Protein backbone atom coordinates (compact mmCIF):
# COMPACT_ATOMS: atom_id res chain seq x y z
CA UNK A 1 5.45 -11.65 15.00
CA UNK A 2 8.63 -9.86 13.55
CA UNK A 3 8.67 -9.10 9.87
CA UNK A 4 10.32 -11.71 7.68
CA UNK A 5 12.34 -9.42 5.83
CA UNK A 6 16.28 -8.60 5.20
CA UNK A 7 16.39 -5.24 6.47
CA UNK A 8 20.14 -3.18 6.91
CA UNK A 9 20.02 -4.10 11.00
CA UNK A 10 20.38 -7.90 9.31
CA UNK A 11 23.30 -6.30 7.01
CA UNK A 12 25.34 -4.62 9.38
CA UNK A 13 24.89 -7.47 12.20
CA UNK A 14 25.81 -10.04 9.53
CA UNK A 15 28.69 -7.85 8.48
CA UNK A 16 30.34 -6.92 11.72
CA UNK A 17 29.90 -10.71 13.10
CA UNK A 18 31.82 -11.83 10.52
CA UNK A 19 34.72 -8.93 10.48
CA UNK A 20 34.67 -9.80 14.20
CA UNK A 21 35.48 -13.76 13.83
CA UNK A 22 37.55 -12.45 10.89
CA UNK A 23 39.65 -10.51 13.13
CA UNK A 24 39.58 -13.60 15.89
CA UNK A 25 41.06 -16.26 13.24
CA UNK A 26 43.72 -13.87 12.18
CA UNK A 27 45.15 -12.58 15.93
CA UNK A 28 45.88 -13.82 19.35
CA UNK A 29 45.83 -17.13 20.39
CA UNK A 30 43.16 -18.32 17.60
CA UNK A 31 45.75 -17.06 14.51
CA UNK A 32 45.16 -19.52 11.91
CA UNK A 33 46.75 -19.19 7.95
CA UNK A 34 44.40 -21.69 6.13
CA UNK A 35 42.13 -19.28 3.89
CA UNK A 36 39.51 -22.01 4.00
CA UNK A 37 39.15 -21.41 7.78
CA UNK A 38 38.97 -18.02 6.92
CA UNK A 39 36.55 -18.40 4.39
CA UNK A 40 34.30 -20.12 6.61
CA UNK A 41 34.59 -17.38 9.38
CA UNK A 42 33.42 -15.42 7.11
CA UNK A 43 30.63 -17.02 5.46
CA UNK A 44 29.16 -18.06 8.74
CA UNK A 45 29.08 -14.19 9.69
CA UNK A 46 27.61 -12.75 6.55
CA UNK A 47 24.85 -16.03 6.39
CA UNK A 48 23.28 -14.17 9.57
CA UNK A 49 22.05 -11.37 6.89
CA UNK A 50 19.32 -14.24 6.02
CA UNK A 51 18.46 -15.08 9.66
CA UNK A 52 15.21 -13.26 9.84
CA UNK A 53 14.01 -14.50 6.50
CA UNK A 54 14.93 -17.56 6.49
CA UNK A 55 16.51 -19.01 10.27
CA UNK A 56 16.77 -22.99 10.31
CA UNK A 57 18.93 -22.88 6.81
CA UNK A 58 21.16 -20.24 8.62
CA UNK A 59 21.22 -22.31 11.60
CA UNK A 60 22.12 -25.16 9.23
CA UNK A 61 25.12 -23.14 7.46
CA UNK A 62 26.25 -21.17 10.56
CA UNK A 63 26.60 -24.81 12.59
CA UNK A 64 28.41 -26.58 9.23
CA UNK A 65 30.92 -23.57 9.05
CA UNK A 66 31.25 -24.23 12.97
CA UNK A 67 32.23 -27.86 12.96
CA UNK A 68 34.37 -27.41 9.39
CA UNK A 69 36.22 -24.65 11.28
CA UNK A 70 36.83 -27.07 14.30
CA UNK A 71 37.56 -29.74 11.69
CA UNK A 72 40.56 -27.55 10.50
CA UNK A 73 42.18 -26.74 13.81
CA UNK A 74 40.51 -22.96 14.44
CA UNK A 75 38.83 -22.93 17.49
CA UNK A 76 37.60 -19.71 17.21
CA UNK A 77 34.08 -19.35 19.09
CA UNK A 78 31.23 -20.13 17.37
CA UNK A 79 29.39 -16.82 17.94
CA UNK A 80 27.53 -16.49 14.22
CA UNK A 81 25.76 -19.62 16.02
CA UNK A 82 25.07 -17.97 18.37
CA UNK A 83 22.89 -15.76 16.21
CA UNK A 84 21.74 -17.72 14.95
CA UNK A 85 20.37 -20.07 17.58
CA UNK A 86 18.53 -16.59 18.69
CA UNK A 87 17.13 -15.83 15.60
CA UNK A 88 15.87 -19.71 14.98
CA UNK A 89 14.32 -19.59 18.78
CA UNK A 90 12.64 -15.87 18.19
CA UNK A 91 11.07 -17.48 15.13
CA UNK A 92 9.28 -20.08 17.21
CA UNK A 93 11.35 -23.24 16.26
CA UNK A 94 12.75 -24.73 19.35
CA UNK A 95 12.66 -28.31 18.54
CA UNK A 96 14.27 -27.76 15.28
CA UNK A 97 17.10 -25.63 17.31
CA UNK A 98 17.50 -28.07 19.98
CA UNK A 99 17.91 -31.38 17.67
CA UNK A 100 20.67 -28.58 15.57
CA UNK A 101 22.25 -27.83 18.75
CA UNK A 102 22.90 -31.41 20.82
CA UNK A 103 23.93 -32.39 17.01
CA UNK A 104 26.85 -29.52 16.82
CA UNK A 105 27.58 -30.69 20.67
CA UNK A 106 28.37 -33.92 20.02
CA UNK A 107 30.12 -33.87 16.75
CA UNK A 108 32.55 -31.00 18.22
CA UNK A 109 34.26 -33.31 19.89
CA UNK A 110 35.25 -36.29 17.45
CA UNK A 111 36.03 -33.34 15.50
CA UNK A 112 38.40 -31.65 17.93
CA UNK A 113 40.12 -34.76 18.54
CA UNK A 114 40.74 -35.37 15.14
CA UNK A 115 42.58 -32.07 14.89
CA UNK A 116 44.21 -31.96 17.44
CA UNK A 117 47.81 -33.48 17.89
CA UNK A 118 48.17 -36.71 18.80
CA UNK A 119 49.78 -36.16 22.04
CA UNK A 120 46.64 -34.21 22.91
CA UNK A 121 43.99 -35.97 25.65
CA UNK A 122 40.37 -36.39 25.34
CA UNK A 123 39.95 -33.78 28.26
CA UNK A 124 42.08 -31.19 26.41
CA UNK A 125 39.74 -32.09 23.34
CA UNK A 126 36.56 -31.46 25.69
CA UNK A 127 38.14 -28.05 26.51
CA UNK A 128 38.90 -26.68 23.56
CA UNK A 129 35.26 -27.86 22.23
CA UNK A 130 34.04 -25.91 25.66
CA UNK A 131 35.64 -22.82 24.12
CA UNK A 132 34.24 -22.84 20.61
CA UNK A 133 30.51 -23.35 21.80
CA UNK A 134 30.11 -22.69 25.72
CA UNK A 135 26.84 -24.14 27.21
CA UNK A 136 25.64 -21.38 29.10
CA UNK A 137 25.60 -18.77 26.59
CA UNK A 138 24.12 -21.39 24.10
CA UNK A 139 21.27 -21.36 26.43
CA UNK A 140 21.56 -17.68 26.65
CA UNK A 141 21.09 -17.38 23.43
CA UNK A 142 18.01 -19.43 22.95
CA UNK A 143 16.02 -17.99 26.34
CA UNK A 144 16.99 -14.72 24.88
CA UNK A 145 15.17 -15.86 21.29
CA UNK A 146 12.31 -17.41 23.29
CA UNK A 147 12.34 -14.44 25.72
CA UNK A 148 11.53 -12.20 22.56
CA UNK A 149 9.42 -14.26 21.05
CA UNK A 150 6.87 -14.44 23.88
CA UNK A 151 6.81 -10.60 24.01
CA UNK A 152 5.99 -10.50 20.79
CA UNK A 153 3.59 -12.72 20.26
CA UNK A 154 2.29 -10.81 23.48
CA UNK A 155 2.03 -7.24 21.48
CA UNK A 156 0.17 -8.98 18.88
CA UNK A 157 -2.32 -10.57 20.55
CA UNK A 158 -2.67 -6.98 22.39
CA UNK A 159 -3.06 -5.44 18.78
CA UNK A 160 -5.70 -7.99 17.87
CA UNK A 161 -7.58 -7.18 21.07
CA UNK A 162 -7.51 -3.19 20.54
CA UNK A 163 -8.71 -4.32 17.21
CA UNK A 164 -11.35 -6.39 18.31
CA UNK A 165 -12.72 -3.97 21.08
CA UNK A 166 -12.72 -0.88 18.15
CA UNK A 167 -14.53 -2.89 15.91
CA UNK A 168 -17.37 -4.12 18.42
CA UNK A 169 -17.27 -0.23 19.83
CA UNK A 170 -17.73 0.55 15.50
CA UNK A 171 -20.63 -1.88 15.46
CA UNK A 172 -22.47 -0.66 18.86
CA UNK A 173 -22.31 2.84 17.15
CA UNK A 174 -23.76 1.86 14.02
CA UNK A 175 -26.23 0.00 15.69
CA UNK A 176 -27.45 3.06 18.10
CA UNK A 177 -27.03 5.38 14.90
CA UNK A 178 -29.31 3.29 12.68
CA UNK A 179 -31.73 3.29 15.87
CA UNK A 180 -31.53 7.20 16.36
CA UNK A 181 -32.33 7.61 12.17
CA UNK A 182 -35.15 4.93 12.74
CA UNK A 183 -36.81 6.77 15.98
CA UNK A 184 -36.35 10.41 14.57
CA UNK A 185 -36.70 10.51 10.27
CA UNK A 186 -38.27 7.15 9.58
CA UNK A 187 -41.62 8.46 10.98
CA UNK A 188 -41.68 11.84 9.66
CA UNK A 189 -40.44 11.33 6.04
CA UNK A 190 -43.62 8.38 6.29
CA UNK A 191 -46.08 11.33 7.41
CA UNK A 192 -44.43 13.53 4.39
CA UNK A 193 -45.02 10.73 1.87
CA UNK A 194 -48.42 9.72 2.55
CA UNK A 195 -49.43 13.07 3.08
CA UNK A 196 -48.07 13.87 -0.61
CA UNK A 197 -49.53 10.51 -1.93
CA UNK A 198 -53.35 11.42 -0.95
CA UNK A 199 -53.07 15.01 -2.02
CA UNK A 200 -52.56 13.88 -5.50
CA UNK A 201 -55.21 10.88 -4.66
CA UNK A 202 -57.41 13.80 -3.91
CA UNK A 203 -56.42 15.84 -6.34
CA UNK A 204 -56.98 13.43 -9.80
CA UNK A 205 -60.16 11.91 -7.88
CA UNK A 206 -62.07 15.50 -8.35
CA UNK A 207 -60.26 16.14 -11.74
CA UNK A 208 -57.94 19.35 -11.00
CA UNK A 209 -54.31 19.47 -11.41
CA UNK A 210 -51.79 18.45 -9.64
CA UNK A 211 -49.35 21.16 -8.99
CA UNK A 212 -45.37 19.82 -10.32
CA UNK A 213 -44.50 20.80 -6.99
CA UNK A 214 -46.57 18.40 -5.07
CA UNK A 215 -45.57 15.65 -7.34
CA UNK A 216 -41.85 16.54 -6.51
CA UNK A 217 -42.63 16.55 -3.29
CA UNK A 218 -44.00 13.09 -3.64
CA UNK A 219 -41.47 11.64 -5.56
CA UNK A 220 -38.99 13.17 -3.17
CA UNK A 221 -40.32 10.83 -0.18
CA UNK A 222 -40.32 8.18 -1.91
CA UNK A 223 -37.18 8.73 -2.66
CA UNK A 224 -35.78 9.68 1.05
CA UNK A 225 -37.86 6.49 2.40
CA UNK A 226 -36.09 4.09 -0.07
CA UNK A 227 -32.78 5.93 1.31
CA UNK A 228 -33.39 5.53 4.42
CA UNK A 229 -34.49 1.64 4.32
CA UNK A 230 -31.06 1.61 2.61
CA UNK A 231 -28.85 3.17 4.91
CA UNK A 232 -30.39 1.15 7.72
CA UNK A 233 -29.84 -1.76 6.37
CA UNK A 234 -26.26 -0.66 5.56
CA UNK A 235 -25.77 0.48 9.43
CA UNK A 236 -27.22 -2.74 11.18
CA UNK A 237 -25.22 -4.84 8.02
CA UNK A 238 -22.00 -3.21 7.58
CA UNK A 239 -20.65 -6.53 5.14
CA UNK A 240 -23.88 -5.46 3.29
CA UNK A 241 -23.79 -3.81 -0.19
CA UNK A 242 -23.74 0.33 0.10
CA UNK A 243 -26.91 1.56 -0.27
CA UNK A 244 -26.30 3.50 -3.40
CA UNK A 245 -23.15 3.97 -5.60
CA UNK A 246 -22.23 5.44 -8.88
CA UNK A 247 -24.66 2.91 -10.88
CA UNK A 248 -27.54 5.04 -9.51
CA UNK A 249 -26.29 8.96 -10.51
CA UNK A 250 -27.96 8.50 -13.84
CA UNK A 251 -31.34 7.87 -11.82
CA UNK A 252 -30.03 11.08 -9.86
CA UNK A 253 -29.92 12.82 -13.43
CA UNK A 254 -32.93 11.82 -14.57
CA UNK A 255 -34.98 13.14 -10.99
CA UNK A 256 -33.11 16.52 -11.50
CA UNK A 257 -34.41 16.32 -15.12
CA UNK A 258 -37.89 15.91 -13.79
CA UNK A 259 -37.88 18.94 -11.57
CA UNK A 260 -36.93 21.01 -14.13
CA UNK A 261 -33.15 21.67 -14.23
CA UNK A 262 -31.32 21.03 -17.29
CA UNK A 263 -29.23 18.13 -16.20
CA UNK A 264 -26.81 16.43 -18.34
CA UNK A 265 -24.43 13.55 -17.69
CA UNK A 266 -20.82 12.69 -19.12
CA UNK A 267 -19.33 8.95 -18.53
CA UNK A 268 -15.60 9.27 -19.87
CA UNK A 269 -12.91 6.37 -19.12
CA UNK A 270 -13.16 2.74 -19.42
CA UNK A 271 -15.46 1.88 -16.30
CA UNK A 272 -13.55 -0.21 -13.73
CA UNK A 273 -14.43 -1.38 -10.01
CA UNK A 274 -13.99 0.79 -7.05
CA UNK A 275 -14.63 0.48 -3.05
CA UNK A 276 -18.03 0.38 -1.52
CA UNK A 277 -16.47 3.80 0.12
CA UNK A 278 -15.61 5.77 -2.72
CA UNK A 279 -18.93 4.39 -4.91
CA UNK A 280 -21.05 5.73 -1.81
CA UNK A 281 -19.25 9.01 -1.85
CA UNK A 282 -19.41 9.70 -5.70
CA UNK A 283 -23.14 8.96 -5.45
CA UNK A 284 -23.65 11.60 -2.49
CA UNK A 285 -21.42 14.10 -3.96
CA UNK A 286 -23.53 13.96 -7.01
CA UNK A 287 -26.40 14.48 -5.06
CA UNK A 288 -25.61 16.92 -2.76
CA UNK A 289 -24.17 19.03 -5.44
CA UNK A 290 -27.65 18.63 -7.34
CA UNK A 291 -29.52 19.33 -4.36
CA UNK A 292 -27.98 22.84 -3.67
CA UNK A 293 -28.34 23.73 -7.77
CA UNK A 294 -31.85 23.55 -6.78
CA UNK A 295 -32.20 24.86 -3.32
CA UNK A 296 -30.21 27.80 -3.32
CA UNK A 297 -28.03 28.59 -7.06
CA UNK A 298 -31.19 29.15 -9.20
CA UNK A 299 -29.42 27.75 -12.14
CA UNK A 300 -31.54 26.21 -15.28
CA UNK A 301 -28.79 24.24 -16.31
CA UNK A 302 -26.23 21.57 -14.49
CA UNK A 303 -23.75 19.07 -15.99
CA UNK A 304 -22.42 16.17 -14.12
CA UNK A 305 -19.10 14.59 -15.51
CA UNK A 306 -17.86 11.57 -13.90
CA UNK A 307 -14.35 10.14 -15.29
CA UNK A 308 -12.42 7.32 -14.49
CA UNK A 309 -8.63 7.28 -14.64
CA UNK A 310 -6.10 4.30 -14.01
CA UNK A 311 -5.68 6.04 -10.52
CA UNK A 312 -9.02 6.83 -9.37
CA UNK A 313 -12.52 8.57 -10.10
CA UNK A 314 -13.23 12.79 -10.63
CA UNK A 315 -16.61 13.65 -10.38
CA UNK A 316 -17.23 16.81 -11.12
CA UNK A 317 -20.85 18.62 -10.85
CA UNK A 318 -21.15 22.58 -12.75
CA UNK A 319 -23.93 24.59 -12.63
CA UNK A 320 -24.92 28.05 -14.38
CA UNK A 321 -26.83 29.41 -11.56
CA UNK A 322 -25.56 32.59 -9.11
CA UNK A 323 -22.48 31.33 -7.23
CA UNK A 324 -23.76 33.92 -4.21
CA UNK A 325 -22.77 33.22 -0.68
CA UNK A 326 -25.59 31.26 -0.22
CA UNK A 327 -23.98 28.99 -3.09
CA UNK A 328 -20.73 29.10 -2.26
CA UNK A 329 -20.62 29.14 1.39
CA UNK A 330 -19.40 26.53 3.15
CA UNK A 331 -22.33 25.19 4.42
CA UNK A 332 -22.95 21.80 6.37
CA UNK A 333 -23.06 19.97 2.90
CA UNK A 334 -20.27 21.10 1.46
CA UNK A 335 -18.71 20.80 4.42
CA UNK A 336 -19.71 16.76 5.10
CA UNK A 337 -18.22 16.44 1.31
CA UNK A 338 -15.09 17.39 2.12
CA UNK A 339 -15.02 15.72 4.56
CA UNK A 340 -16.03 12.27 2.98
CA UNK A 341 -13.60 12.78 0.54
CA UNK A 342 -10.69 13.85 2.83
CA UNK A 343 -11.22 10.67 4.84
CA UNK A 344 -10.36 8.39 1.67
CA UNK A 345 -7.42 10.50 0.80
CA UNK A 346 -8.79 12.68 -2.05
CA UNK A 347 -8.85 16.41 -2.98
CA UNK A 348 -12.47 18.23 -3.10
CA UNK A 349 -12.73 22.03 -4.75
CA UNK A 350 -15.69 23.39 -4.36
CA UNK A 351 -15.40 27.13 -6.08
CA UNK A 352 -17.36 29.74 -8.42
CA UNK A 353 -16.76 29.64 -11.88
CA UNK A 354 -15.17 32.19 -13.94
CA UNK A 355 -18.00 32.14 -16.77
CA UNK A 356 -20.72 32.14 -14.12
CA UNK A 357 -22.29 29.41 -11.97
CA UNK A 358 -20.80 27.15 -9.33
CA UNK A 359 -18.27 23.63 -9.68
CA UNK A 360 -17.61 20.82 -7.27
CA UNK A 361 -14.79 18.55 -8.32
CA UNK A 362 -13.71 15.87 -6.11
CA UNK A 363 -10.67 13.72 -7.20
CA UNK A 364 -11.24 10.19 -5.77
CA UNK A 365 -8.67 7.21 -4.98
CA UNK A 366 -9.82 4.06 -6.39
CA UNK A 367 -8.79 1.59 -3.14
CA UNK A 368 -7.46 4.08 -0.61
CA UNK A 369 -5.83 2.10 1.79
CA UNK A 370 -7.64 1.46 5.62
CA UNK A 371 -10.99 2.13 4.06
CA UNK A 372 -13.72 -0.50 2.91
């Protein structure tokens, strides 16, 4: 339905109606000198400013003003009341509008007789009432309000249908991705993990030293298997918790340290709740950055800093490696990070540092609009 708030258009309609009624009351056949009548004309018009916010109240106020004008003998057409009828019906108050309008029509005749000269006949009073509030215009105002209300209802229904269709397609796409990931990756990762476990077991059984690289492969296989399982669960059930988030960053740093990188984690600011999308993206940025450091940068140290700010979270990863083309180029990992951050309305900077090495800095809003 239409928005329930006062706008510039509402004010313009109210002021314009009040001005037109005052002009009609001060000129022509409707010329009238009583200041109270002019106050009622202005009040009836200006009340329309709240027609969208409180249509029933405005209906009652404009109706009372029209009746007051009639009682004073001011037979200016009840234009403000017609606008109020339109607004009330558009807002869905059809029954109230019908009742109030019937009461208006019933009350106008005795008020016209009360204000009329003694020589006036009842027929003249009816004619004057007809001039003040013509039934055809009253029906037309109600019909216009009902027509627009139905149009808005159909538009809202169409919007809901589009949203439901989009949501259903998104659910289907998530399930499709989950099936593809399961079919294409689960088996291969399981094979790598099993082979690494067997190799470590055989080496220990023979009393041979287990290479650090083999232990790292085994741990990476275990972690990849856990992450893939959590990701598949999240894809199949969107309402579930994110697979990993900021709470898991210390484990990432610890694992990087176990692989021979002097990694440090610093957390600044007061910890606060963030949306699931921001939580997940911050974790992925740290994960991808540390992975790039291990693969490309030939670095010995890396620092991870997470700053909680009133308006967002800043994640920064610095290393002291060689920030050459392999490290600094726009690879798939950096493109993926940039897409994630941009989708949340944040900013990403990934560039070589002046003192050597490479830096990745992401500024993320706490609760981005339209993102879960």
